[in-house]
Amino acid sequence: MNSIIFRALGNETRLKIIETLMIKEHNVSDLTKISDKDQTTISRHLVHLKQAKLITQKKIGRNVIYSIANSKIYDWLISAIKPNLQKAETPSLRIKIKDYLDGQIR
C-alpha cells in the first residue's frame, strides 16, 4: 500500500492537486482552471490519488467534488509533504488558487 501512496505523490501535478484540495474541495473544472491542465489530464491524476485512497469524491447534482479523504490523511499530508510543498511550490500556484477562490466569493 505504501508504494501506491508514494507513487501517487511522486508527480508534481498530483502534488499540486493535493495542495489545492488541502485548502478547499474542488470539482474537476475548478482544478483545470487552477492548474492550467486539461480535463483529461486532471481526471487521470485524480484516479491515481483515489486509488491511493488520498482523496474521495462525492456527487452533488451533476458535479463530482473531490476532497482529502479524511482528517487522518490530511494530518499525515500536513506533516509529511506540506513542508516540502511550501519549499518547492511556485508562487504562481498559490496566486492562482487565491485568485480563483477570490473570484468565487465575488
Protein backbone atom coordinates (compact mmCIF):
# COMPACT_ATOMS: atom_id res chain seq x y z
CA MET A 1 0.00 0.00 0.00
CA ASN A 2 2.81 2.44 0.80
CA SER A 3 4.22 2.09 -2.70
CA ILE A 4 0.84 3.09 -4.17
CA ILE A 5 0.72 6.17 -1.95
CA PHE A 6 4.26 7.25 -2.73
CA ARG A 7 3.79 6.57 -6.43
CA ALA A 8 0.66 8.74 -6.33
CA LEU A 9 2.62 11.52 -4.65
CA GLY A 10 5.59 11.13 -6.99
CA ASN A 11 4.20 13.50 -9.59
CA GLU A 12 4.29 17.29 -9.49
CA THR A 13 0.77 17.71 -10.87
CA ARG A 14 -0.68 15.32 -8.30
CA LEU A 15 1.16 17.13 -5.52
CA LYS A 16 -0.34 20.40 -6.73
CA ILE A 17 -3.80 18.82 -6.79
CA ILE A 18 -3.27 17.58 -3.23
CA GLU A 19 -2.14 21.00 -2.06
CA THR A 20 -5.14 22.62 -3.72
CA LEU A 21 -7.53 20.12 -2.11
CA MET A 22 -5.91 20.70 1.27
CA ILE A 23 -7.12 24.30 1.01
CA LYS A 24 -10.64 23.57 -0.26
CA GLU A 25 -12.58 20.81 -2.02
CA HIS A 26 -13.00 21.26 -5.78
CA ASN A 27 -14.52 19.71 -8.88
CA VAL A 28 -12.52 18.82 -12.00
CA SER A 29 -13.42 22.10 -13.66
CA ASP A 30 -12.00 24.08 -10.73
CA LEU A 31 -8.82 22.01 -10.76
CA THR A 32 -8.30 22.50 -14.50
CA LYS A 33 -8.64 26.28 -14.13
CA ILE A 34 -6.26 26.41 -11.17
CA SER A 35 -3.64 24.09 -12.66
CA ASP A 36 -3.77 25.11 -16.35
CA LYS A 37 -4.05 21.40 -17.24
CA ASP A 38 -6.75 19.91 -19.44
CA GLN A 39 -9.66 17.93 -18.00
CA THR A 40 -8.36 14.57 -19.23
CA THR A 41 -5.01 15.12 -17.51
CA ILE A 42 -6.59 16.20 -14.23
CA SER A 43 -9.05 13.29 -14.30
CA ARG A 44 -6.22 10.81 -14.87
CA HIS A 45 -4.28 12.23 -11.92
CA LEU A 46 -7.39 12.12 -9.73
CA VAL A 47 -7.73 8.39 -10.48
CA HIS A 48 -4.19 7.80 -9.13
CA LEU A 49 -4.96 9.79 -5.99
CA LYS A 50 -8.25 7.93 -5.44
CA GLN A 51 -6.53 4.54 -5.90
CA ALA A 52 -4.06 5.56 -3.21
CA LYS A 53 -7.04 6.50 -1.00
CA LEU A 54 -5.67 10.01 -0.54
CA ILE A 55 -8.81 11.69 -1.87
CA THR A 56 -12.51 10.95 -2.04
CA GLN A 57 -15.28 12.11 -4.27
CA LYS A 58 -18.89 12.95 -3.66
CA LYS A 59 -21.57 13.69 -6.19
CA ILE A 60 -23.63 16.84 -5.75
CA GLY A 61 -26.14 17.11 -8.54
CA ARG A 62 -24.14 16.71 -11.74
CA ASN A 63 -20.87 17.78 -10.10
CA VAL A 64 -18.30 15.45 -8.60
CA ILE A 65 -16.47 17.16 -5.75
CA TYR A 66 -13.02 15.95 -4.67
CA SER A 67 -11.52 16.39 -1.23
CA ILE A 68 -8.82 14.95 1.00
CA ALA A 69 -10.03 11.51 2.13
CA ASN A 70 -10.27 12.15 5.87
CA SER A 71 -8.69 14.03 8.76
CA LYS A 72 -6.05 11.33 9.36
CA ILE A 73 -4.88 11.62 5.74
CA TYR A 74 -4.99 15.41 5.97
CA ASP A 75 -2.87 15.41 9.14
CA TRP A 76 -0.41 12.96 7.57
CA LEU A 77 -0.13 15.13 4.46
CA ILE A 78 0.45 18.21 6.61
CA SER A 79 3.29 16.54 8.48
CA ALA A 80 4.78 14.54 5.61
CA ILE A 81 4.61 16.66 2.50
CA LYS A 82 3.32 20.14 3.28
CA PRO A 83 6.74 21.49 4.38
CA ASN A 84 8.30 20.22 1.15
CA LEU A 85 5.48 21.62 -0.97
CA GLN A 86 5.93 25.03 0.59
CA LYS A 87 9.66 25.00 -0.16
CA ALA A 88 9.25 23.74 -3.72
CA GLU A 89 5.97 25.34 -4.74
CA THR A 90 5.93 28.07 -7.28
CA PRO A 91 4.42 31.30 -6.05
CA SER A 92 2.22 31.29 -9.14
CA LEU A 93 0.27 28.23 -7.93
CA ARG A 94 -0.54 29.90 -4.62
CA ILE A 95 -1.57 33.07 -6.50
CA LYS A 96 -3.76 31.10 -8.94
CA ILE A 97 -5.55 29.33 -6.10
CA LYS A 98 -6.10 32.61 -4.25
CA ASP A 99 -7.30 34.42 -7.37
CA TYR A 100 -9.66 31.58 -8.24
CA LEU A 101 -11.13 31.46 -4.74
CA ASP A 102 -11.44 35.26 -4.63
CA GLY A 103 -13.33 35.14 -7.93
CA GLN A 104 -15.79 32.62 -6.49
CA ILE A 105 -16.52 34.83 -3.50
CA ARG A 106 -17.35 37.94 -5.52
